[in-house]
PDB file of N, CA and C in Angstrom:
ATOM      1  N   UNK A   1     -11.271  15.027  -7.981  1.00  0.00           N
ATOM      2  CA  UNK A   1     -10.729  13.667  -8.203  1.00  0.00           C
ATOM      3  C   UNK A   1      -9.200  13.749  -8.676  1.00  0.00           C
ATOM      4  N   UNK A   2      -9.008  15.167  -9.363  1.00  0.00           N
ATOM      5  CA  UNK A   2      -7.737  15.250  -9.500  1.00  0.00           C
ATOM      6  C   UNK A   2      -6.588  15.321  -7.909  1.00  0.00           C
ATOM      7  N   UNK A   3      -7.410  15.963  -7.493  1.00  0.00           N
ATOM      8  CA  UNK A   3      -6.601  16.238  -6.321  1.00  0.00           C
ATOM      9  C   UNK A   3      -6.117  14.683  -5.365  1.00  0.00           C
ATOM     10  N   UNK A   4      -7.176  14.010  -5.603  1.00  0.00           N
ATOM     11  CA  UNK A   4      -6.751  12.695  -4.867  1.00  0.00           C
ATOM     12  C   UNK A   4      -5.993  11.918  -6.199  1.00  0.00           C
ATOM     13  N   UNK A   5      -6.030  12.006  -7.370  1.00  0.00           N
ATOM     14  CA  UNK A   5      -4.912  11.106  -7.995  1.00  0.00           C
ATOM     15  C   UNK A   5      -3.206  11.899  -7.728  1.00  0.00           C
ATOM     16  N   UNK A   6      -3.422  13.649  -7.592  1.00  0.00           N
ATOM     17  CA  UNK A   6      -1.834  13.991  -7.153  1.00  0.00           C
ATOM     18  C   UNK A   6      -1.702  13.348  -6.041  1.00  0.00           C
ATOM     19  N   UNK A   7      -2.683  13.569  -4.845  1.00  0.00           N
ATOM     20  CA  UNK A   7      -2.147  12.688  -3.512  1.00  0.00           C
ATOM     21  C   UNK A   7      -1.375  11.602  -3.691  1.00  0.00           C
ATOM     22  N   UNK A   8      -2.418  10.504  -4.418  1.00  0.00           N
ATOM     23  CA  UNK A   8      -2.105   8.955  -4.499  1.00  0.00           C
ATOM     24  C   UNK A   8      -0.572   8.927  -5.066  1.00  0.00           C
ATOM     25  N   UNK A   9      -0.613   9.751  -6.215  1.00  0.00           N
ATOM     26  CA  UNK A   9       0.845   9.870  -6.978  1.00  0.00           C
ATOM     27  C   UNK A   9       1.977  10.278  -6.066  1.00  0.00           C
ATOM     28  N   UNK A  10       1.843  11.115  -5.029  1.00  0.00           N
ATOM     29  CA  UNK A  10       2.973  11.769  -4.809  1.00  0.00           C
ATOM     30  C   UNK A  10       3.388  11.039  -3.465  1.00  0.00           C
ATOM     31  N   UNK A  11       2.251  10.454  -2.735  1.00  0.00           N
ATOM     32  CA  UNK A  11       2.527   9.213  -1.862  1.00  0.00           C
ATOM     33  C   UNK A  11       3.154   8.096  -2.127  1.00  0.00           C
ATOM     34  N   UNK A  12       2.783   7.572  -3.534  1.00  0.00           N
ATOM     35  CA  UNK A  12       3.788   6.601  -4.104  1.00  0.00           C
ATOM     36  C   UNK A  12       5.433   6.699  -4.506  1.00  0.00           C
ATOM     37  N   UNK A  13       5.598   7.786  -4.944  1.00  0.00           N
ATOM     38  CA  UNK A  13       6.748   8.288  -5.081  1.00  0.00           C
ATOM     39  C   UNK A  13       7.684   8.670  -4.215  1.00  0.00           C
ATOM     40  N   UNK A  14       6.879   8.900  -2.973  1.00  0.00           N
ATOM     41  CA  UNK A  14       7.142   9.240  -1.877  1.00  0.00           C
ATOM     42  C   UNK A  14       8.034   7.695  -1.240  1.00  0.00           C
ATOM     43  N   UNK A  15       6.773   6.891  -1.283  1.00  0.00           N
ATOM     44  CA  UNK A  15       7.219   5.336  -0.942  1.00  0.00           C
ATOM     45  C   UNK A  15       8.498   4.950  -1.524  1.00  0.00           C
ATOM     46  N   UNK A  16       8.072   5.133  -2.768  1.00  0.00           N
ATOM     47  CA  UNK A  16       9.663   4.361  -3.652  1.00  0.00           C
ATOM     48  C   UNK A  16      10.998   4.896  -3.586  1.00  0.00           C
ATOM     49  N   UNK A  17      10.918   6.318  -3.302  1.00  0.00           N
ATOM     50  CA  UNK A  17      12.061   7.013  -2.821  1.00  0.00           C
ATOM     51  C   UNK A  17      12.442   6.475  -1.613  1.00  0.00           C
ATOM     52  N   UNK A  18      11.805   6.159  -0.397  1.00  0.00           N
ATOM     53  CA  UNK A  18      12.421   5.931   0.600  1.00  0.00           C
ATOM     54  C   UNK A  18      12.498   4.817   0.633  1.00  0.00           C
ATOM     55  N   UNK A  19      12.042   3.707   0.250  1.00  0.00           N
ATOM     56  CA  UNK A  19      12.405   2.328  -0.279  1.00  0.00           C
ATOM     57  C   UNK A  19      14.056   2.151  -0.673  1.00  0.00           C
ATOM     58  N   UNK A  20      14.269   3.072  -1.661  1.00  0.00           N
ATOM     59  CA  UNK A  20      15.886   3.213  -2.418  1.00  0.00           C
ATOM     60  C   UNK A  20      16.940   3.325  -1.757  1.00  0.00           C
ATOM     61  N   UNK A  21      16.670   4.521  -0.826  1.00  0.00           N
ATOM     62  CA  UNK A  21      17.470   5.079   0.039  1.00  0.00           C
ATOM     63  C   UNK A  21      17.353   4.225   1.130  1.00  0.00           C
ATOM     64  N   UNK A  22      16.784   3.387   1.738  1.00  0.00           N
ATOM     65  CA  UNK A  22      16.899   2.461   2.911  1.00  0.00           C
ATOM     66  C   UNK A  22      17.744   1.158   2.155  1.00  0.00           C
ATOM     67  N   UNK A  23      17.197   0.748   0.752  1.00  0.00           N
ATOM     68  CA  UNK A  23      17.865  -0.291   0.509  1.00  0.00           C
ATOM     69  C   UNK A  23      19.193   0.104   0.027  1.00  0.00           C
ATOM     70  N   UNK A  24      19.701   1.326  -0.237  1.00  0.00           N
ATOM     71  CA  UNK A  24      21.429   1.678  -0.424  1.00  0.00           C
ATOM     72  C   UNK A  24      21.836   2.094   0.838  1.00  0.00           C
ATOM     73  N   UNK A  25      20.965   2.219   2.081  1.00  0.00           N
ATOM     74  CA  UNK A  25      21.633   2.346   3.439  1.00  0.00           C
ATOM     75  C   UNK A  25      22.136   0.770   3.610  1.00  0.00           C
ATOM     76  N   UNK A  26      21.352  -0.181   3.592  1.00  0.00           N
ATOM     77  CA  UNK A  26      21.641  -1.575   3.879  1.00  0.00           C
ATOM     78  C   UNK A  26      22.542  -1.985   3.253  1.00  0.00           C
ATOM     79  N   UNK A  27      22.622  -1.824   1.957  1.00  0.00           N
ATOM     80  CA  UNK A  27      23.889  -2.370   0.774  1.00  0.00           C
ATOM     81  C   UNK A  27      25.263  -1.826   1.455  1.00  0.00           C
ATOM     82  N   UNK A  28      25.060  -0.744   1.934  1.00  0.00           N
ATOM     83  CA  UNK A  28      26.540   0.063   2.443  1.00  0.00           C
ATOM     84  C   UNK A  28      26.773  -0.889   3.513  1.00  0.00           C
ATOM     85  N   UNK A  29      25.929  -0.702   4.504  1.00  0.00           N
ATOM     86  CA  UNK A  29      26.754  -1.671   5.604  1.00  0.00           C
ATOM     87  C   UNK A  29      26.779  -3.084   5.368  1.00  0.00           C
ATOM     88  N   UNK A  30      26.036  -4.035   4.651  1.00  0.00           N
ATOM     89  CA  UNK A  30      26.384  -5.057   4.116  1.00  0.00           C
ATOM     90  C   UNK A  30      27.870  -5.209   3.541  1.00  0.00           C
ATOM     91  N   UNK A  31      27.936  -3.932   2.928  1.00  0.00           N
ATOM     92  CA  UNK A  31      29.145  -4.195   2.095  1.00  0.00           C
ATOM     93  C   UNK A  31      30.496  -3.999   2.820  1.00  0.00           C
ATOM     94  N   UNK A  32      30.275  -3.018   4.041  1.00  0.00           N
ATOM     95  CA  UNK A  32      31.285  -2.690   5.069  1.00  0.00           C
ATOM     96  C   UNK A  32      31.365  -3.717   5.844  1.00  0.00           C
ATOM     97  N   UNK A  33      30.547  -4.556   5.914  1.00  0.00           N
ATOM     98  CA  UNK A  33      30.748  -5.931   6.782  1.00  0.00           C
ATOM     99  C   UNK A  33      31.905  -6.832   5.965  1.00  0.00           C
ATOM    100  N   UNK A  34      31.253  -6.907   4.988  1.00  0.00           N
ATOM    101  CA  UNK A  34      31.726  -8.052   3.773  1.00  0.00           C
ATOM    102  C   UNK A  34      33.581  -7.678   3.687  1.00  0.00           C
ATOM    103  N   UNK A  35      33.512  -6.008   3.344  1.00  0.00           N
ATOM    104  CA  UNK A  35      34.901  -6.077   3.089  1.00  0.00           C
ATOM    105  C   UNK A  35      35.803  -5.621   4.128  1.00  0.00           C
ATOM    106  N   UNK A  36      35.179  -5.478   5.541  1.00  0.00           N
ATOM    107  CA  UNK A  36      36.226  -5.701   6.313  1.00  0.00           C
ATOM    108  C   UNK A  36      37.008  -4.138   6.417  1.00  0.00           C
ATOM    109  N   UNK A  37      38.071  -4.559   7.090  1.00  0.00           N
ATOM    110  CA  UNK A  37      39.452  -3.030   6.882  1.00  0.00           C
ATOM    111  C   UNK A  37      39.005  -2.075   7.560  1.00  0.00           C
ATOM    112  N   UNK A  38      37.655  -1.799   8.550  1.00  0.00           N
ATOM    113  CA  UNK A  38      37.217  -0.980   9.444  1.00  0.00           C
ATOM    114  C   UNK A  38      36.690   0.068   8.488  1.00  0.00           C
ATOM    115  N   UNK A  39      36.358  -0.005   7.550  1.00  0.00           N
ATOM    116  CA  UNK A  39      35.444   1.029   6.645  1.00  0.00           C
ATOM    117  C   UNK A  39      34.183   1.030   7.354  1.00  0.00           C
ATOM    118  N   UNK A  40      33.391   2.014   7.144  1.00  0.00           N
ATOM    119  CA  UNK A  40      31.977   2.083   7.796  1.00  0.00           C
ATOM    120  C   UNK A  40      31.431   1.844   6.750  1.00  0.00           C
ATOM    121  N   UNK A  41      30.009   2.368   7.028  1.00  0.00           N
ATOM    122  CA  UNK A  41      28.827   2.237   5.697  1.00  0.00           C
ATOM    123  C   UNK A  41      29.028   3.668   5.377  1.00  0.00           C
ATOM    124  N   UNK A  42      29.025   4.817   5.756  1.00  0.00           N
ATOM    125  CA  UNK A  42      29.660   5.919   5.183  1.00  0.00           C
ATOM    126  C   UNK A  42      30.213   6.049   4.358  1.00  0.00           C
ATOM    127  N   UNK A  43      31.223   5.293   4.351  1.00  0.00           N
ATOM    128  CA  UNK A  43      32.857   5.476   3.852  1.00  0.00           C
ATOM    129  C   UNK A  43      32.617   4.621   2.356  1.00  0.00           C
ATOM    130  N   UNK A  44      31.420   3.849   2.089  1.00  0.00           N
ATOM    131  CA  UNK A  44      31.089   2.887   1.262  1.00  0.00           C
ATOM    132  C   UNK A  44      29.864   3.293   0.120  1.00  0.00           C
ATOM    133  N   UNK A  45      30.493   3.329  -1.012  1.00  0.00           N
ATOM    134  CA  UNK A  45      29.636   4.106  -2.010  1.00  0.00           C
ATOM    135  C   UNK A  45      28.873   3.082  -3.088  1.00  0.00           C
ATOM    136  N   UNK A  46      27.372   3.029  -2.896  1.00  0.00           N
ATOM    137  CA  UNK A  46      27.492   1.759  -3.618  1.00  0.00           C
ATOM    138  C   UNK A  46      26.641   2.176  -5.004  1.00  0.00           C
ATOM    139  N   UNK A  47      26.974   1.227  -6.296  1.00  0.00           N
ATOM    140  CA  UNK A  47      26.336   1.853  -7.472  1.00  0.00           C
ATOM    141  C   UNK A  47      26.217   0.432  -8.207  1.00  0.00           C
ATOM    142  N   UNK A  48      25.515   0.358  -9.230  1.00  0.00           N
ATOM    143  CA  UNK A  48      25.624  -0.829 -10.488  1.00  0.00           C
ATOM    144  C   UNK A  48      24.450  -1.770  -9.845  1.00  0.00           C
ATOM    145  N   UNK A  49      23.593  -1.085  -9.024  1.00  0.00           N
ATOM    146  CA  UNK A  49      22.640  -2.678  -8.385  1.00  0.00           C
ATOM    147  C   UNK A  49      21.959  -3.004  -9.519  1.00  0.00           C
ATOM    148  N   UNK A  50      22.125  -4.327  -9.566  1.00  0.00           N
ATOM    149  CA  UNK A  50      21.536  -5.550 -10.607  1.00  0.00           C
ATOM    150  C   UNK A  50      20.802  -6.395  -9.826  1.00  0.00           C
ATOM    151  N   UNK A  51      19.451  -6.600 -10.013  1.00  0.00           N
ATOM    152  CA  UNK A  51      18.689  -7.754  -9.500  1.00  0.00           C
ATOM    153  C   UNK A  51      18.316  -8.851 -10.172  1.00  0.00           C
ATOM    154  N   UNK A  52      18.554 -10.685  -9.960  1.00  0.00           N
ATOM    155  CA  UNK A  52      18.039 -10.921 -11.233  1.00  0.00           C
ATOM    156  C   UNK A  52      17.473 -12.313 -10.173  1.00  0.00           C
ATOM    157  N   UNK A  53      16.200 -12.219  -9.857  1.00  0.00           N
ATOM    158  CA  UNK A  53      15.596 -13.169  -9.378  1.00  0.00           C
ATOM    159  C   UNK A  53      15.793 -12.886  -7.540  1.00  0.00           C
ATOM    160  N   UNK A  54      16.611 -14.126  -6.914  1.00  0.00           N
ATOM    161  CA  UNK A  54      16.620 -13.714  -5.831  1.00  0.00           C
ATOM    162  C   UNK A  54      18.004 -13.225  -5.802  1.00  0.00           C
ATOM    163  N   UNK A  55      19.133 -13.147  -6.413  1.00  0.00           N
ATOM    164  CA  UNK A  55      20.239 -12.612  -6.358  1.00  0.00           C
ATOM    165  C   UNK A  55      20.454 -11.284  -6.631  1.00  0.00           C
ATOM    166  N   UNK A  56      21.411 -10.652  -5.825  1.00  0.00           N
ATOM    167  CA  UNK A  56      21.664  -9.159  -5.889  1.00  0.00           C
ATOM    168  C   UNK A  56      23.236  -9.015  -6.056  1.00  0.00           C
ATOM    169  N   UNK A  57      23.553  -8.273  -6.890  1.00  0.00           N
ATOM    170  CA  UNK A  57      25.067  -7.934  -7.092  1.00  0.00           C
ATOM    171  C   UNK A  57      24.938  -6.276  -7.310  1.00  0.00           C
ATOM    172  N   UNK A  58      26.376  -5.789  -6.983  1.00  0.00           N
ATOM    173  CA  UNK A  58      26.686  -4.218  -6.618  1.00  0.00           C
ATOM    174  C   UNK A  58      28.218  -4.042  -6.975  1.00  0.00           C
ATOM    175  N   UNK A  59      28.555  -2.937  -7.232  1.00  0.00           N
ATOM    176  CA  UNK A  59      29.605  -2.230  -7.021  1.00  0.00           C
ATOM    177  C   UNK A  59      29.758  -1.636  -5.583  1.00  0.00           C
ATOM    178  N   UNK A  60      30.723  -1.923  -4.909  1.00  0.00           N
ATOM    179  CA  UNK A  60      30.921  -1.240  -3.529  1.00  0.00           C
ATOM    180  C   UNK A  60      32.393  -0.387  -3.839  1.00  0.00           C
ATOM    181  N   UNK A  61      32.347   1.216  -3.529  1.00  0.00           N
ATOM    182  CA  UNK A  61      33.742   1.713  -3.455  1.00  0.00           C
ATOM    183  C   UNK A  61      33.876   2.296  -2.274  1.00  0.00           C
ATOM    184  N   UNK A  62      35.189   2.132  -1.472  1.00  0.00           N
ATOM    185  CA  UNK A  62      35.587   2.773  -0.622  1.00  0.00           C
ATOM    186  C   UNK A  62      36.959   3.363  -0.519  1.00  0.00           C
ATOM    187  N   UNK A  63      37.644   4.522   0.152  1.00  0.00           N
ATOM    188  CA  UNK A  63      38.846   5.076   0.101  1.00  0.00           C
ATOM    189  C   UNK A  63      40.028   4.053  -0.419  1.00  0.00           C
ATOM    190  N   UNK A  64      39.609   2.698  -0.030  1.00  0.00           N
ATOM    191  CA  UNK A  64      40.875   1.567  -0.646  1.00  0.00           C
ATOM    192  C   UNK A  64      40.680   1.119  -1.568  1.00  0.00           C
ATOM    193  N   UNK A  65      39.923   1.293  -2.364  1.00  0.00           N
ATOM    194  CA  UNK A  65      39.402   0.566  -3.753  1.00  0.00           C
ATOM    195  C   UNK A  65      37.884   0.198  -4.179  1.00  0.00           C
ATOM    196  N   UNK A  66      37.867  -0.620  -5.150  1.00  0.00           N
ATOM    197  CA  UNK A  66      36.503  -1.020  -5.724  1.00  0.00           C
ATOM    198  C   UNK A  66      36.218  -2.483  -5.504  1.00  0.00           C
ATOM    199  N   UNK A  67      35.394  -2.546  -5.101  1.00  0.00           N
ATOM    200  CA  UNK A  67      34.696  -4.256  -4.753  1.00  0.00           C
ATOM    201  C   UNK A  67      33.519  -4.442  -5.847  1.00  0.00           C
ATOM    202  N   UNK A  68      33.576  -5.699  -5.927  1.00  0.00           N
ATOM    203  CA  UNK A  68      32.311  -6.290  -6.705  1.00  0.00           C
ATOM    204  C   UNK A  68      31.650  -7.233  -5.820  1.00  0.00           C
ATOM    205  N   UNK A  69      30.513  -7.058  -5.342  1.00  0.00           N
ATOM    206  CA  UNK A  69      29.768  -7.557  -4.421  1.00  0.00           C
ATOM    207  C   UNK A  69      28.445  -8.230  -4.931  1.00  0.00           C
ATOM    208  N   UNK A  70      27.963  -9.167  -4.025  1.00  0.00           N
ATOM    209  CA  UNK A  70      26.779 -10.130  -4.593  1.00  0.00           C
ATOM    210  C   UNK A  70      26.491 -10.732  -3.533  1.00  0.00           C
ATOM    211  N   UNK A  71      24.840 -11.060  -3.430  1.00  0.00           N
ATOM    212  CA  UNK A  71      24.565 -11.930  -2.762  1.00  0.00           C
ATOM    213  C   UNK A  71      23.450 -12.724  -3.387  1.00  0.00           C
ATOM    214  N   UNK A  72      23.517 -14.119  -3.050  1.00  0.00           N
ATOM    215  CA  UNK A  72      22.496 -15.290  -3.686  1.00  0.00           C
ATOM    216  C   UNK A  72      21.426 -15.557  -2.604  1.00  0.00           C
ATOM    217  N   UNK A  73      21.404 -15.139  -1.521  1.00  0.00           N
ATOM    218  CA  UNK A  73      20.547 -15.096  -0.431  1.00  0.00           C
ATOM    219  C   UNK A  73      20.492 -14.447   0.641  1.00  0.00           C
ATOM    220  N   UNK A  74      19.667 -13.244   0.735  1.00  0.00           N
ATOM    221  CA  UNK A  74      19.856 -12.253   2.103  1.00  0.00           C
ATOM    222  C   UNK A  74      20.437 -13.171   3.175  1.00  0.00           C
ATOM    223  N   UNK A  75      19.501 -14.209   3.560  1.00  0.00           N
ATOM    224  CA  UNK A  75      20.189 -15.123   4.760  1.00  0.00           C
ATOM    225  C   UNK A  75      21.537 -15.929   4.950  1.00  0.00           C
ATOM    226  N   UNK A  76      22.176 -15.800   3.651  1.00  0.00           N
ATOM    227  CA  UNK A  76      23.391 -16.270   3.644  1.00  0.00           C
ATOM    228  C   UNK A  76      24.656 -15.367   3.706  1.00  0.00           C
ATOM    229  N   UNK A  77      24.286 -14.043   3.570  1.00  0.00           N
ATOM    230  CA  UNK A  77      25.237 -12.844   3.817  1.00  0.00           C
ATOM    231  C   UNK A  77      25.751 -12.277   2.183  1.00  0.00           C
ATOM    232  N   UNK A  78      26.928 -11.633   2.324  1.00  0.00           N
ATOM    233  CA  UNK A  78      27.034 -10.663   1.122  1.00  0.00           C
ATOM    234  C   UNK A  78      28.601 -11.188   1.047  1.00  0.00           C
ATOM    235  N   UNK A  79      29.213 -11.642  -0.125  1.00  0.00           N
ATOM    236  CA  UNK A  79      30.264 -11.460  -0.460  1.00  0.00           C
ATOM    237  C   UNK A  79      31.251 -10.305  -1.513  1.00  0.00           C
ATOM    238  N   UNK A  80      32.061  -9.980  -1.334  1.00  0.00           N
ATOM    239  CA  UNK A  80      32.794  -8.410  -1.866  1.00  0.00           C
ATOM    240  C   UNK A  80      34.404  -9.055  -2.074  1.00  0.00           C
ATOM    241  N   UNK A  81      35.075  -8.806  -3.434  1.00  0.00           N
ATOM    242  CA  UNK A  81      35.919  -8.799  -3.527  1.00  0.00           C
ATOM    243  C   UNK A  81      36.719  -7.826  -4.721  1.00  0.00           C
ATOM    244  N   UNK A  82      37.714  -7.830  -4.655  1.00  0.00           N
ATOM    245  CA  UNK A  82      38.502  -6.716  -5.083  1.00  0.00           C
ATOM    246  C   UNK A  82      38.788  -6.728  -6.595  1.00  0.00           C
TER     247      UNK A  82
END
């Protein structure tokens, strides 16, 4: 029984961490597109992610500066301001 619980917990943690890194990569890509200026997703560092219902806000840092980004609806895109 302990082995089963341990395995279930390990799978749960793996899924949670996998989703987080995927979400961050998506925010990096969306931020790079919204900021423009030729930044690649690898050049965008995402932090301070906040969720409020369907809206999402975060900070994106590039070598060119710091941006405040948000998305009220994923279908409507992302807005980033310096």
